[in-house]
C-alpha atoms as a PDB file:
ATOM      1  CA  MET A   1     195.020-166.327  68.207  1.00  0.00           C
ATOM      2  CA  THR A   2     193.844-169.105  65.891  1.00  0.00           C
ATOM      3  CA  PHE A   3     194.692-169.577  62.233  1.00  0.00           C
ATOM      4  CA  ARG A   4     191.046-169.885  61.154  1.00  0.00           C
ATOM      5  CA  ASN A   5     188.111-167.653  62.005  1.00  0.00           C
ATOM      6  CA  THR A   6     185.562-168.597  64.632  1.00  0.00           C
ATOM      7  CA  THR A   7     182.078-167.236  65.261  1.00  0.00           C
ATOM      8  CA  ARG A   8     183.621-164.990  67.953  1.00  0.00           C
ATOM      9  CA  SER A   9     186.915-163.818  66.477  1.00  0.00           C
ATOM     10  CA  TRP A  10     188.944-163.379  63.286  1.00  0.00           C
ATOM     11  CA  GLY A  11     191.852-165.752  62.722  1.00  0.00           C
ATOM     12  CA  TRP A  12     195.356-164.414  62.224  1.00  0.00           C
ATOM     13  CA  LEU A  13     195.275-165.021  58.450  1.00  0.00           C
ATOM     14  CA  SER A  14     192.152-162.880  58.036  1.00  0.00           C
ATOM     15  CA  LYS A  15     193.699-160.147  60.185  1.00  0.00           C
ATOM     16  CA  THR A  16     196.972-160.269  58.237  1.00  0.00           C
ATOM     17  CA  LEU A  17     195.211-160.009  54.879  1.00  0.00           C
ATOM     18  CA  HIS A  18     192.987-157.178  56.151  1.00  0.00           C
ATOM     19  CA  TRP A  19     195.799-154.984  57.440  1.00  0.00           C
ATOM     20  CA  LEU A  20     198.163-155.810  54.584  1.00  0.00           C
ATOM     21  CA  ILE A  21     195.565-154.647  52.045  1.00  0.00           C
ATOM     22  CA  VAL A  22     194.904-151.498  54.105  1.00  0.00           C
ATOM     23  CA  LEU A  23     198.615-150.628  54.240  1.00  0.00           C
ATOM     24  CA  LEU A  24     199.101-151.306  50.533  1.00  0.00           C
ATOM     25  CA  ILE A  25     196.159-149.066  49.597  1.00  0.00           C
ATOM     26  CA  ILE A  26     197.547-146.237  51.752  1.00  0.00           C
ATOM     27  CA  ASN A  27     200.930-146.784  50.109  1.00  0.00           C
ATOM     28  CA  GLN A  28     199.318-146.601  46.668  1.00  0.00           C
ATOM     29  CA  TRP A  29     197.942-143.153  47.481  1.00  0.00           C
ATOM     30  CA  LEU A  30     201.344-142.001  48.772  1.00  0.00           C
ATOM     31  CA  ILE A  31     203.052-143.280  45.611  1.00  0.00           C
ATOM     32  CA  MET A  32     200.695-141.314  43.372  1.00  0.00           C
ATOM     33  CA  GLN A  33     201.145-138.169  45.449  1.00  0.00           C
ATOM     34  CA  ARG A  34     204.908-138.504  44.994  1.00  0.00           C
ATOM     35  CA  ALA A  35     204.609-139.298  41.267  1.00  0.00           C
ATOM     36  CA  GLU A  36     202.954-135.945  40.543  1.00  0.00           C
ATOM     37  CA  HIS A  37     206.206-134.127  41.361  1.00  0.00           C
ATOM     38  CA  LEU A  38     208.604-136.388  39.445  1.00  0.00           C
ATOM     39  CA  LYS A  39     210.172-136.062  36.021  1.00  0.00           C
ATOM     40  CA  PHE A  40     208.651-138.163  33.240  1.00  0.00           C
ATOM     41  CA  SER A  41     211.396-140.832  33.282  1.00  0.00           C
ATOM     42  CA  GLU A  42     211.164-141.208  37.072  1.00  0.00           C
ATOM     43  CA  LYS A  43     207.375-141.155  36.964  1.00  0.00           C
ATOM     44  CA  ILE A  44     207.279-144.141  34.597  1.00  0.00           C
ATOM     45  CA  ALA A  45     209.220-146.276  37.092  1.00  0.00           C
ATOM     46  CA  VAL A  46     206.998-145.191  39.987  1.00  0.00           C
ATOM     47  CA  LEU A  47     203.857-145.921  37.962  1.00  0.00           C
ATOM     48  CA  GLY A  48     205.244-149.392  37.234  1.00  0.00           C
ATOM     49  CA  LEU A  49     205.517-149.977  40.983  1.00  0.00           C
ATOM     50  CA  HIS A  50     201.992-148.606  41.437  1.00  0.00           C
ATOM     51  CA  LYS A  51     200.644-151.136  38.924  1.00  0.00           C
ATOM     52  CA  SER A  52     202.550-154.038  40.495  1.00  0.00           C
ATOM     53  CA  LEU A  53     201.210-153.204  43.939  1.00  0.00           C
ATOM     54  CA  GLY A  54     197.724-152.803  42.476  1.00  0.00           C
ATOM     55  CA  MET A  55     197.894-156.339  41.080  1.00  0.00           C
ATOM     56  CA  THR A  56     199.163-157.530  44.476  1.00  0.00           C
ATOM     57  CA  ILE A  57     196.141-155.955  46.179  1.00  0.00           C
ATOM     58  CA  PHE A  58     193.880-157.603  43.589  1.00  0.00           C
ATOM     59  CA  ALA A  59     195.393-161.042  44.293  1.00  0.00           C
ATOM     60  CA  LEU A  60     195.264-160.575  48.078  1.00  0.00           C
ATOM     61  CA  ALA A  61     191.616-159.491  47.849  1.00  0.00           C
ATOM     62  CA  ILE A  62     190.778-162.693  45.962  1.00  0.00           C
ATOM     63  CA  ILE A  63     192.556-164.778  48.611  1.00  0.00           C
ATOM     64  CA  ARG A  64     190.783-162.914  51.383  1.00  0.00           C
ATOM     65  CA  LEU A  65     187.364-163.339  49.776  1.00  0.00           C
ATOM     66  CA  VAL A  66     187.894-167.080  49.219  1.00  0.00           C
ATOM     67  CA  TRP A  67     189.124-167.436  52.809  1.00  0.00           C
ATOM     68  CA  ARG A  68     186.060-165.526  54.059  1.00  0.00           C
ATOM     69  CA  TRP A  69     183.759-167.921  52.191  1.00  0.00           C
ATOM     70  CA  ALA A  70     185.641-170.952  53.588  1.00  0.00           C
ATOM     71  CA  ASN A  71     185.494-169.740  57.194  1.00  0.00           C
ATOM     72  CA  PRO A  72     182.821-168.684  59.663  1.00  0.00           C
ATOM     73  CA  VAL A  73     182.350-164.925  59.947  1.00  0.00           C
ATOM     74  CA  PRO A  74     182.429-163.583  63.526  1.00  0.00           C
ATOM     75  CA  GLU A  75     178.956-162.602  64.627  1.00  0.00           C
ATOM     76  CA  LEU A  76     178.040-159.040  65.509  1.00  0.00           C
ATOM     77  CA  ASP A  77     177.074-158.186  69.060  1.00  0.00           C
ATOM     78  CA  SER A  78     173.577-159.362  70.000  1.00  0.00           C
ATOM     79  CA  GLN A  79     172.608-155.745  70.736  1.00  0.00           C
ATOM     80  CA  THR A  80     173.369-154.678  67.155  1.00  0.00           C
ATOM     81  CA  ARG A  81     170.229-153.363  65.465  1.00  0.00           C
ATOM     82  CA  SER A  82     168.935-154.911  62.244  1.00  0.00           C
ATOM     83  CA  TRP A  83     169.607-151.760  60.206  1.00  0.00           C
ATOM     84  CA  GLU A  84     173.195-151.704  61.507  1.00  0.00           C
ATOM     85  CA  ARG A  85     173.653-155.314  60.420  1.00  0.00           C
ATOM     86  CA  ALA A  86     172.292-154.511  56.955  1.00  0.00           C
ATOM     87  CA  LEU A  87     174.520-151.431  56.708  1.00  0.00           C
ATOM     88  CA  ALA A  88     177.589-153.415  57.807  1.00  0.00           C
ATOM     89  CA  HIS A  89     176.886-156.085  55.172  1.00  0.00           C
ATOM     90  CA  PHE A  90     176.353-153.467  52.468  1.00  0.00           C
ATOM     91  CA  SER A  91     179.551-151.596  53.364  1.00  0.00           C
ATOM     92  CA  HIS A  92     181.590-154.825  53.215  1.00  0.00           C
ATOM     93  CA  VAL A  93     180.166-155.693  49.797  1.00  0.00           C
ATOM     94  CA  LEU A  94     180.902-152.163  48.597  1.00  0.00           C
ATOM     95  CA  LEU A  95     184.465-152.260  49.960  1.00  0.00           C
ATOM     96  CA  TYR A  96     185.198-155.564  48.225  1.00  0.00           C
ATOM     97  CA  GLY A  97     183.668-154.281  44.988  1.00  0.00           C
ATOM     98  CA  LEU A  98     185.796-151.139  45.040  1.00  0.00           C
ATOM     99  CA  ILE A  99     188.972-153.013  45.951  1.00  0.00           C
ATOM    100  CA  PHE A 100     188.435-155.286  42.920  1.00  0.00           C
ATOM    101  CA  ALA A 101     187.292-152.503  40.591  1.00  0.00           C
ATOM    102  CA  LEU A 102     190.263-150.195  41.211  1.00  0.00           C
ATOM    103  CA  PRO A 103     193.049-152.466  39.911  1.00  0.00           C
ATOM    104  CA  LEU A 104     190.819-153.694  37.085  1.00  0.00           C
ATOM    105  CA  SER A 105     190.120-150.133  35.921  1.00  0.00           C
ATOM    106  CA  GLY A 106     193.843-149.359  36.105  1.00  0.00           C
ATOM    107  CA  TRP A 107     194.651-152.494  34.111  1.00  0.00           C
ATOM    108  CA  LEU A 108     192.027-151.576  31.487  1.00  0.00           C
ATOM    109  CA  MET A 109     193.401-148.022  31.327  1.00  0.00           C
ATOM    110  CA  SER A 110     196.966-149.222  30.735  1.00  0.00           C
ATOM    111  CA  SER A 111     195.825-151.710  28.091  1.00  0.00           C
ATOM    112  CA  ALA A 112     193.857-149.009  26.277  1.00  0.00           C
ATOM    113  CA  LYS A 113     196.934-146.754  26.390  1.00  0.00           C
ATOM    114  CA  ASN A 114     198.989-149.641  24.921  1.00  0.00           C
ATOM    115  CA  ILE A 115     201.188-149.648  28.033  1.00  0.00           C
ATOM    116  CA  PRO A 116     202.028-153.173  29.258  1.00  0.00           C
ATOM    117  CA  VAL A 117     201.253-154.171  32.833  1.00  0.00           C
ATOM    118  CA  SER A 118     203.650-156.462  34.664  1.00  0.00           C
ATOM    119  CA  TRP A 119     203.978-157.745  38.195  1.00  0.00           C
ATOM    120  CA  PHE A 120     207.348-156.412  39.408  1.00  0.00           C
ATOM    121  CA  LYS A 121     208.774-157.188  35.932  1.00  0.00           C
ATOM    122  CA  LEU A 122     208.465-160.902  36.716  1.00  0.00           C
ATOM    123  CA  VAL A 123     205.126-161.702  35.089  1.00  0.00           C
ATOM    124  CA  GLN A 124     203.792-159.927  32.016  1.00  0.00           C
ATOM    125  CA  LEU A 125     200.008-159.563  32.188  1.00  0.00           C
ATOM    126  CA  PRO A 126     197.928-159.715  28.987  1.00  0.00           C
ATOM    127  CA  ASP A 127     196.195-156.646  27.595  1.00  0.00           C
ATOM    128  CA  LEU A 128     192.498-156.664  28.407  1.00  0.00           C
ATOM    129  CA  VAL A 129     191.561-154.384  25.467  1.00  0.00           C
ATOM    130  CA  GLY A 130     193.227-152.949  22.382  1.00  0.00           C
ATOM    131  CA  PRO A 131     194.538-149.384  22.084  1.00  0.00           C
ATOM    132  CA  ASP A 132     191.701-146.900  22.457  1.00  0.00           C
ATOM    133  CA  LYS A 133     192.396-143.311  23.504  1.00  0.00           C
ATOM    134  CA  ALA A 134     188.782-142.424  24.367  1.00  0.00           C
ATOM    135  CA  PHE A 135     188.327-145.605  26.421  1.00  0.00           C
ATOM    136  CA  ALA A 136     191.641-145.000  28.184  1.00  0.00           C
ATOM    137  CA  GLU A 137     190.526-141.519  29.219  1.00  0.00           C
ATOM    138  CA  SER A 138     187.210-142.827  30.519  1.00  0.00           C
ATOM    139  CA  MET A 139     188.996-145.552  32.514  1.00  0.00           C
ATOM    140  CA  GLU A 140     191.421-143.011  33.961  1.00  0.00           C
ATOM    141  CA  HIS A 141     188.499-140.855  35.098  1.00  0.00           C
ATOM    142  CA  LEU A 142     186.735-143.917  36.518  1.00  0.00           C
ATOM    143  CA  HIS A 143     189.913-144.977  38.340  1.00  0.00           C
ATOM    144  CA  HIS A 144     190.068-141.643  40.166  1.00  0.00           C
ATOM    145  CA  GLN A 145     186.354-141.717  40.964  1.00  0.00           C
ATOM    146  CA  LEU A 146     186.603-145.248  42.341  1.00  0.00           C
ATOM    147  CA  PHE A 147     189.431-144.236  44.655  1.00  0.00           C
ATOM    148  CA  ALA A 148     187.402-141.266  45.916  1.00  0.00           C
ATOM    149  CA  ALA A 149     184.477-143.622  46.587  1.00  0.00           C
ATOM    150  CA  LEU A 150     186.788-146.083  48.365  1.00  0.00           C
ATOM    151  CA  LEU A 151     188.069-143.280  50.584  1.00  0.00           C
ATOM    152  CA  VAL A 152     184.518-142.270  51.579  1.00  0.00           C
ATOM    153  CA  VAL A 153     183.412-145.857  52.288  1.00  0.00           C
ATOM    154  CA  ALA A 154     186.621-146.577  54.235  1.00  0.00           C
ATOM    155  CA  VAL A 155     186.102-143.494  56.437  1.00  0.00           C
ATOM    156  CA  LEU A 156     182.498-144.568  57.140  1.00  0.00           C
ATOM    157  CA  HIS A 157     183.771-148.085  57.887  1.00  0.00           C
ATOM    158  CA  VAL A 158     186.262-146.707  60.434  1.00  0.00           C
ATOM    159  CA  LEU A 159     183.609-144.484  62.026  1.00  0.00           C
ATOM    160  CA  GLY A 160     181.320-147.496  62.347  1.00  0.00           C
ATOM    161  CA  ALA A 161     184.064-149.509  64.037  1.00  0.00           C
ATOM    162  CA  LEU A 162     184.756-146.636  66.442  1.00  0.00           C
ATOM    163  CA  LYS A 163     181.027-146.439  67.275  1.00  0.00           C
ATOM    164  CA  HIS A 164     181.070-150.116  68.210  1.00  0.00           C
ATOM    165  CA  HIS A 165     184.108-149.560  70.421  1.00  0.00           C
ATOM    166  CA  ILE A 166     183.327-146.212  72.082  1.00  0.00           C
ATOM    167  CA  ILE A 167     179.516-146.022  72.195  1.00  0.00           C
ATOM    168  CA  ASP A 168     178.325-149.633  72.037  1.00  0.00           C
ATOM    169  CA  LYS A 169     181.373-150.852  74.015  1.00  0.00           C
ATOM    170  CA  ASN A 170     181.558-154.227  72.276  1.00  0.00           C
ATOM    171  CA  ASP A 171     184.550-156.065  70.791  1.00  0.00           C
ATOM    172  CA  VAL A 172     183.814-155.607  67.045  1.00  0.00           C
ATOM    173  CA  LEU A 173     186.839-153.331  66.598  1.00  0.00           C
ATOM    174  CA  ARG A 174     189.134-155.072  69.065  1.00  0.00           C
ATOM    175  CA  ARG A 175     188.796-158.502  67.523  1.00  0.00           C
ATOM    176  CA  MET A 176     190.173-157.213  64.168  1.00  0.00           C
ATOM    177  CA  LEU A 177     193.165-155.465  65.747  1.00  0.00           C
ATOM    178  CA  PRO A 178     196.523-157.272  65.424  1.00  0.00           C
ATOM    179  CA  PHE A 179     197.372-159.462  68.434  1.00  0.00           C
ATOM    180  CA  ALA A 180     194.052-158.635  70.106  1.00  0.00           C
ATOM    181  CA  SER A 181     191.627-161.280  71.294  1.00  0.00           C
ATOM    182  CA  SER A 182     187.887-161.028  71.648  1.00  0.00           C
ATOM    183  CA  ARG A 183     186.316-160.099  74.957  1.00  0.00           C
ATOM    184  CA  GLY A 184     184.928-163.606  75.293  1.00  0.00           C
ATOM    185  CA  THR A 185     188.394-165.122  74.897  1.00  0.00           C
ATOM    186  CA  HIS A 186     189.815-162.682  77.421  1.00  0.00           C
ATOM    187  CA  ASP A 187     187.005-163.399  79.912  1.00  0.00           C
ATOM    188  CA  ASN A 188     187.459-167.160  79.544  1.00  0.00           C
ATOM    189  CA  PHE A 189     191.188-166.809  80.151  1.00  0.00           C
ATOM    190  CA  ARG A 190     190.563-164.661  83.238  1.00  0.00           C
ATOM    191  CA  THR A 191     187.998-167.193  84.542  1.00  0.00           C
ATOM    192  CA  HIS A 192     190.503-170.059  84.211  1.00  0.00           C
ATOM    193  CA  VAL A 193     193.192-168.044  85.996  1.00  0.00           C
ATOM    194  CA  LEU A 194     190.846-167.176  88.878  1.00  0.00           C
ATOM    195  CA  PHE A 195     189.669-170.779  89.141  1.00  0.00           C
ATOM    196  CA  ALA A 196     193.265-172.048  89.243  1.00  0.00           C
ATOM    197  CA  GLY A 197     194.125-169.426  91.869  1.00  0.00           C
ATOM    198  CA  ARG A 198     191.283-170.509  94.129  1.00  0.00           C
ATOM    199  CA  ASN A 199     192.347-174.146  93.899  1.00  0.00           C
ATOM    200  CA  MET A 200     195.906-173.169  94.833  1.00  0.00           C
ATOM    201  CA  VAL A 201     194.585-171.330  97.908  1.00  0.00           C
ATOM    202  CA  LYS A 202     192.617-174.420  98.991  1.00  0.00           C
ATOM    203  CA  TYR A 203     195.751-176.541  98.958  1.00  0.00           C
END
């Protein structure tokens, strides 16, 4: 597995950022489910962790987007239809937009509630807006709606990847899995092994 992307496969940095963001988002949902059943004093601490992880996701998403722009993007299978390509591009844009919008809406909500946002109590982030109860309530509602939208888009994204793997039988899903190589890489490796084996038989 290479560090950088190629036109056939994702590099290990892209894969690491992808799966790290996925795991952190799942963890964010689990944290909020747990927070609903906690006492107020305990809930404040958990919400602080939620905000810190949200800022981490925001930073990782920026890194991933910059890295995506600086690297080639693996091409879709040649049999992929034009409408599938357009849908894949749209879903990626939507996913990135939601991943950026969620922590920003949370940050705006906290600022409007006059609650400081810090990154693991190491870095104090500035308030984006002044105290505003009505704006805080609208941002809280938006935050929940954005997460619901992210969940829907993520499910569709997974279903699309499974279609590529099960129905189309290409390597779109496999090349994003950790420690997996593309079919082309696997075939090239197998060809070299067979070629070396034949030469050994000759001698």
